[in-house]
Amino acid sequence: MSSKSGLKRCVQSVVQLTDIGLAWKLSDKKTWVYAYSLETGKPLENVTLSMYGEDATLLHTRKTNPQGIAEIPNTKLDRHLIATRAADQFAITYDNSLSTVSMWRFPVDFSWDEQINWQHKVQLITDRNLYRPGETVRLKGVVRQHLDNQLQLSPSKKIQLSIRDPAQP
């Protein structure tokens, strides 16, 4: 897809396949992290929670208790939280300057530049969540135009989708 300025637009996405779900509650000096199974909803014990800084420096590590809760200190350097349990791992950007629960993402648009043109939002859907090597992936997409609180289907256009194997040069 090209913009009116002629620049090609690219989209990148990270997909994590994990059973670890996290929610947290912040105070001035501490954060209480709750780790739970996405499959069963039950608390996860012995999840290692590792907090990293902007430069990937390990700042502190804690383990969850039998109720799935761990108490970690808040510092201004905290940027990334990685939860590990056996071979399962989940990484998320951590911002302790916001007093929110990270489990939900609300569609609040923000932009530092004035929005002159419609922004295009793309939703890609597959026929299932997991594939074995060599299986055919069926993919469907919807492109919508979005500006402020207005949303409408984009006119039909040809869009190029490139999928690359990160293991291949």
C-alpha atoms as a PDB file:
ATOM      1  CA  MET A   1       0.000   0.000   0.000  1.00  0.00           C
ATOM      2  CA  SER A   2       1.410   3.430  -0.870  1.00  0.00           C
ATOM      3  CA  SER A   3       0.662   6.724   0.805  1.00  0.00           C
ATOM      4  CA  LYS A   4      -0.117   9.972  -1.008  1.00  0.00           C
ATOM      5  CA  SER A   5       3.510  11.006  -0.471  1.00  0.00           C
ATOM      6  CA  GLY A   6       4.578   8.002  -2.553  1.00  0.00           C
ATOM      7  CA  LEU A   7       6.243   6.154   0.300  1.00  0.00           C
ATOM      8  CA  LYS A   8       5.539   2.452   0.664  1.00  0.00           C
ATOM      9  CA  ARG A   9       3.994   1.449   3.954  1.00  0.00           C
ATOM     10  CA  CYS A  10       5.117  -1.652   5.758  1.00  0.00           C
ATOM     11  CA  VAL A  11       3.543  -3.430   8.686  1.00  0.00           C
ATOM     12  CA  GLN A  12       5.356  -5.592  11.203  1.00  0.00           C
ATOM     13  CA  SER A  13       3.823  -7.783  13.855  1.00  0.00           C
ATOM     14  CA  VAL A  14       5.143  -9.988  16.627  1.00  0.00           C
ATOM     15  CA  VAL A  15       3.081 -13.068  17.452  1.00  0.00           C
ATOM     16  CA  GLN A  16       3.672 -14.840  20.766  1.00  0.00           C
ATOM     17  CA  LEU A  17       2.284 -18.327  21.321  1.00  0.00           C
ATOM     18  CA  THR A  18       2.023 -18.649  25.085  1.00  0.00           C
ATOM     19  CA  ASP A  19      -0.194 -19.861  27.896  1.00  0.00           C
ATOM     20  CA  ILE A  20       1.046 -17.129  30.256  1.00  0.00           C
ATOM     21  CA  GLY A  21      -1.340 -14.244  30.887  1.00  0.00           C
ATOM     22  CA  LEU A  22      -0.325 -11.253  33.021  1.00  0.00           C
ATOM     23  CA  ALA A  23      -2.207  -8.504  34.806  1.00  0.00           C
ATOM     24  CA  TRP A  24      -0.735  -6.029  37.257  1.00  0.00           C
ATOM     25  CA  LYS A  25      -1.611  -3.389  39.792  1.00  0.00           C
ATOM     26  CA  LEU A  26       0.734  -0.456  40.448  1.00  0.00           C
ATOM     27  CA  SER A  27       1.522   1.587  43.545  1.00  0.00           C
ATOM     28  CA  ASP A  28       4.195   4.237  44.010  1.00  0.00           C
ATOM     29  CA  LYS A  29       6.901   1.765  45.040  1.00  0.00           C
ATOM     30  CA  LYS A  30       5.632  -1.712  44.082  1.00  0.00           C
ATOM     31  CA  THR A  31       3.819  -3.615  41.393  1.00  0.00           C
ATOM     32  CA  TRP A  32       1.781  -6.744  42.083  1.00  0.00           C
ATOM     33  CA  VAL A  33       1.852  -9.027  39.047  1.00  0.00           C
ATOM     34  CA  TYR A  34      -0.725 -11.797  38.634  1.00  0.00           C
ATOM     35  CA  ALA A  35       0.247 -14.651  36.291  1.00  0.00           C
ATOM     36  CA  TYR A  36      -2.490 -16.977  35.073  1.00  0.00           C
ATOM     37  CA  SER A  37      -3.060 -19.659  32.448  1.00  0.00           C
ATOM     38  CA  LEU A  38      -4.742 -18.349  29.319  1.00  0.00           C
ATOM     39  CA  GLU A  39      -6.147 -21.827  28.709  1.00  0.00           C
ATOM     40  CA  THR A  40      -7.630 -22.521  32.156  1.00  0.00           C
ATOM     41  CA  GLY A  41      -7.710 -19.096  33.850  1.00  0.00           C
ATOM     42  CA  LYS A  42      -6.010 -20.601  36.923  1.00  0.00           C
ATOM     43  CA  PRO A  43      -3.070 -18.930  38.722  1.00  0.00           C
ATOM     44  CA  LEU A  44       0.425 -19.958  37.617  1.00  0.00           C
ATOM     45  CA  GLU A  45       2.968 -20.713  40.345  1.00  0.00           C
ATOM     46  CA  ASN A  46       6.747 -20.360  39.855  1.00  0.00           C
ATOM     47  CA  VAL A  47       6.584 -18.025  36.864  1.00  0.00           C
ATOM     48  CA  THR A  48       9.878 -16.125  36.729  1.00  0.00           C
ATOM     49  CA  LEU A  49       9.231 -12.428  36.166  1.00  0.00           C
ATOM     50  CA  SER A  50      12.308 -10.591  34.874  1.00  0.00           C
ATOM     51  CA  MET A  51      12.322  -6.800  34.523  1.00  0.00           C
ATOM     52  CA  TYR A  52      14.666  -5.249  31.986  1.00  0.00           C
ATOM     53  CA  GLY A  53      15.717  -1.670  31.309  1.00  0.00           C
ATOM     54  CA  GLU A  54      15.828   0.197  27.999  1.00  0.00           C
ATOM     55  CA  ASP A  55      19.297  -1.179  27.219  1.00  0.00           C
ATOM     56  CA  ALA A  56      18.231  -4.800  27.982  1.00  0.00           C
ATOM     57  CA  THR A  57      19.949  -4.738  31.384  1.00  0.00           C
ATOM     58  CA  LEU A  58      18.351  -7.150  33.861  1.00  0.00           C
ATOM     59  CA  LEU A  59      17.060  -4.995  36.744  1.00  0.00           C
ATOM     60  CA  HIS A  60      15.329  -7.518  39.026  1.00  0.00           C
ATOM     61  CA  THR A  61      13.710 -10.957  39.039  1.00  0.00           C
ATOM     62  CA  ARG A  62      10.905 -12.443  41.129  1.00  0.00           C
ATOM     63  CA  LYS A  63       8.852 -15.698  41.132  1.00  0.00           C
ATOM     64  CA  THR A  64       5.103 -15.998  41.517  1.00  0.00           C
ATOM     65  CA  ASN A  65       3.665 -17.690  44.612  1.00  0.00           C
ATOM     66  CA  PRO A  66       1.019 -20.504  44.601  1.00  0.00           C
ATOM     67  CA  GLN A  67      -1.679 -17.835  44.030  1.00  0.00           C
ATOM     68  CA  GLY A  68       0.167 -16.651  40.889  1.00  0.00           C
ATOM     69  CA  ILE A  69       1.198 -13.327  42.476  1.00  0.00           C
ATOM     70  CA  ALA A  70       4.619 -11.714  42.704  1.00  0.00           C
ATOM     71  CA  GLU A  71       5.563  -8.354  44.179  1.00  0.00           C
ATOM     72  CA  ILE A  72       8.215  -6.452  42.230  1.00  0.00           C
ATOM     73  CA  PRO A  73       9.747  -3.046  42.972  1.00  0.00           C
ATOM     74  CA  ASN A  74       9.014  -0.067  40.716  1.00  0.00           C
ATOM     75  CA  THR A  75      11.928   1.868  39.300  1.00  0.00           C
ATOM     76  CA  LYS A  76      12.057   4.560  36.644  1.00  0.00           C
ATOM     77  CA  LEU A  77      14.295   2.271  34.568  1.00  0.00           C
ATOM     78  CA  ASP A  78      11.672  -0.527  34.127  1.00  0.00           C
ATOM     79  CA  ARG A  79      10.813  -0.999  30.448  1.00  0.00           C
ATOM     80  CA  HIS A  80      10.263  -4.668  29.540  1.00  0.00           C
ATOM     81  CA  LEU A  81       8.764  -7.554  31.512  1.00  0.00           C
ATOM     82  CA  ILE A  82       9.497 -11.159  30.549  1.00  0.00           C
ATOM     83  CA  ALA A  83       7.567 -14.011  32.163  1.00  0.00           C
ATOM     84  CA  THR A  84       9.054 -17.517  31.920  1.00  0.00           C
ATOM     85  CA  ARG A  85       7.631 -20.867  33.036  1.00  0.00           C
ATOM     86  CA  ALA A  86       9.483 -23.977  31.861  1.00  0.00           C
ATOM     87  CA  ALA A  87       9.713 -23.646  28.051  1.00  0.00           C
ATOM     88  CA  ASP A  88       6.909 -21.051  27.882  1.00  0.00           C
ATOM     89  CA  GLN A  89       7.769 -17.359  27.693  1.00  0.00           C
ATOM     90  CA  PHE A  90       5.846 -14.082  27.329  1.00  0.00           C
ATOM     91  CA  ALA A  91       7.398 -10.637  26.790  1.00  0.00           C
ATOM     92  CA  ILE A  92       5.595  -7.307  27.074  1.00  0.00           C
ATOM     93  CA  THR A  93       6.437  -3.635  27.172  1.00  0.00           C
ATOM     94  CA  TYR A  94       6.062  -2.427  30.746  1.00  0.00           C
ATOM     95  CA  ASP A  95       5.253   1.197  31.540  1.00  0.00           C
ATOM     96  CA  ASN A  96       4.879   1.896  35.241  1.00  0.00           C
ATOM     97  CA  SER A  97       4.069   5.554  34.598  1.00  0.00           C
ATOM     98  CA  LEU A  98       0.500   4.541  33.687  1.00  0.00           C
ATOM     99  CA  SER A  99      -1.836   3.352  36.418  1.00  0.00           C
ATOM    100  CA  THR A 100      -3.585   0.820  34.197  1.00  0.00           C
ATOM    101  CA  VAL A 101      -4.063  -2.917  34.060  1.00  0.00           C
ATOM    102  CA  SER A 102      -2.165  -4.126  31.018  1.00  0.00           C
ATOM    103  CA  MET A 103      -4.563  -6.940  30.132  1.00  0.00           C
ATOM    104  CA  TRP A 104      -6.876  -4.665  28.116  1.00  0.00           C
ATOM    105  CA  ARG A 105      -5.982  -2.413  25.207  1.00  0.00           C
ATOM    106  CA  PHE A 106      -8.501   0.320  24.452  1.00  0.00           C
ATOM    107  CA  PRO A 107      -8.703   1.777  20.910  1.00  0.00           C
ATOM    108  CA  VAL A 108      -7.588   5.281  21.822  1.00  0.00           C
ATOM    109  CA  ASP A 109      -6.007   6.986  18.842  1.00  0.00           C
ATOM    110  CA  PHE A 110      -3.194   9.406  19.357  1.00  0.00           C
ATOM    111  CA  SER A 111      -0.892  11.203  16.977  1.00  0.00           C
ATOM    112  CA  TRP A 112       1.659  13.943  17.373  1.00  0.00           C
ATOM    113  CA  ASP A 113       0.982  15.132  13.827  1.00  0.00           C
ATOM    114  CA  GLU A 114      -2.191  16.615  12.503  1.00  0.00           C
ATOM    115  CA  GLN A 115      -4.254  13.945  10.777  1.00  0.00           C
ATOM    116  CA  ILE A 116      -4.883  15.210   7.286  1.00  0.00           C
ATOM    117  CA  ASN A 117      -5.821  11.982   5.523  1.00  0.00           C
ATOM    118  CA  TRP A 118      -7.695   8.898   6.495  1.00  0.00           C
ATOM    119  CA  GLN A 119      -5.592   6.234   8.162  1.00  0.00           C
ATOM    120  CA  HIS A 120      -5.991   2.692   6.902  1.00  0.00           C
ATOM    121  CA  LYS A 121      -6.540  -0.077   9.441  1.00  0.00           C
ATOM    122  CA  VAL A 122      -5.993  -3.657   8.322  1.00  0.00           C
ATOM    123  CA  GLN A 123      -7.314  -6.747  10.060  1.00  0.00           C
ATOM    124  CA  LEU A 124      -5.980 -10.128   8.936  1.00  0.00           C
ATOM    125  CA  ILE A 125      -7.810 -13.316   9.886  1.00  0.00           C
ATOM    126  CA  THR A 126      -6.674 -16.934   9.493  1.00  0.00           C
ATOM    127  CA  ASP A 127      -8.865 -20.021   9.495  1.00  0.00           C
ATOM    128  CA  ARG A 128      -7.221 -21.306  12.687  1.00  0.00           C
ATOM    129  CA  ASN A 129      -4.602 -20.380  15.300  1.00  0.00           C
ATOM    130  CA  LEU A 130      -1.851 -22.954  14.759  1.00  0.00           C
ATOM    131  CA  TYR A 131      -0.356 -24.664  11.711  1.00  0.00           C
ATOM    132  CA  ARG A 132       2.120 -27.473  11.160  1.00  0.00           C
ATOM    133  CA  PRO A 133       5.010 -26.998   8.715  1.00  0.00           C
ATOM    134  CA  GLY A 134       3.828 -27.414   5.143  1.00  0.00           C
ATOM    135  CA  GLU A 135       0.132 -26.790   5.874  1.00  0.00           C
ATOM    136  CA  THR A 136      -1.754 -24.194   3.834  1.00  0.00           C
ATOM    137  CA  VAL A 137      -2.655 -20.994   5.647  1.00  0.00           C
ATOM    138  CA  ARG A 138      -5.932 -19.425   4.541  1.00  0.00           C
ATOM    139  CA  LEU A 139      -5.841 -15.689   5.096  1.00  0.00           C
ATOM    140  CA  LYS A 140      -8.555 -13.076   4.772  1.00  0.00           C
ATOM    141  CA  GLY A 141      -8.199  -9.351   5.276  1.00  0.00           C
ATOM    142  CA  VAL A 142     -10.384  -6.299   5.758  1.00  0.00           C
ATOM    143  CA  VAL A 143      -9.089  -2.776   5.093  1.00  0.00           C
ATOM    144  CA  ARG A 144     -10.927   0.115   6.691  1.00  0.00           C
ATOM    145  CA  GLN A 145     -10.411   3.848   6.616  1.00  0.00           C
ATOM    146  CA  HIS A 146     -10.358   5.517  10.017  1.00  0.00           C
ATOM    147  CA  LEU A 147     -10.370   9.177  11.046  1.00  0.00           C
ATOM    148  CA  ASP A 148     -11.374  10.334  14.510  1.00  0.00           C
ATOM    149  CA  ASN A 149     -14.542   8.349  15.282  1.00  0.00           C
ATOM    150  CA  GLN A 150     -15.461   7.642  11.670  1.00  0.00           C
ATOM    151  CA  LEU A 151     -14.885   4.182  10.248  1.00  0.00           C
ATOM    152  CA  GLN A 152     -15.718   2.941   6.774  1.00  0.00           C
ATOM    153  CA  LEU A 153     -14.652   0.206   4.365  1.00  0.00           C
ATOM    154  CA  SER A 154     -11.883   1.268   1.999  1.00  0.00           C
ATOM    155  CA  PRO A 155     -12.584   1.265  -1.710  1.00  0.00           C
ATOM    156  CA  SER A 156     -11.345  -1.891  -3.409  1.00  0.00           C
ATOM    157  CA  LYS A 157      -7.636  -1.657  -4.133  1.00  0.00           C
ATOM    158  CA  LYS A 158      -4.917  -4.151  -4.876  1.00  0.00           C
ATOM    159  CA  ILE A 159      -2.718  -4.674  -1.816  1.00  0.00           C
ATOM    160  CA  GLN A 160       0.530  -6.616  -1.751  1.00  0.00           C
ATOM    161  CA  LEU A 161       1.220  -8.844   1.252  1.00  0.00           C
ATOM    162  CA  SER A 162       4.718 -10.219   1.788  1.00  0.00           C
ATOM    163  CA  ILE A 163       5.335 -13.012   4.278  1.00  0.00           C
ATOM    164  CA  ARG A 164       8.932 -13.901   4.991  1.00  0.00           C
ATOM    165  CA  ASP A 165      10.581 -16.667   7.002  1.00  0.00           C
ATOM    166  CA  PRO A 166      12.856 -14.932   9.553  1.00  0.00           C
ATOM    167  CA  ALA A 167      15.180 -17.947   9.424  1.00  0.00           C
ATOM    168  CA  GLN A 168      15.864 -17.356   5.722  1.00  0.00           C
ATOM    169  CA  PRO A 169      18.345 -14.632   4.694  1.00  0.00           C
END
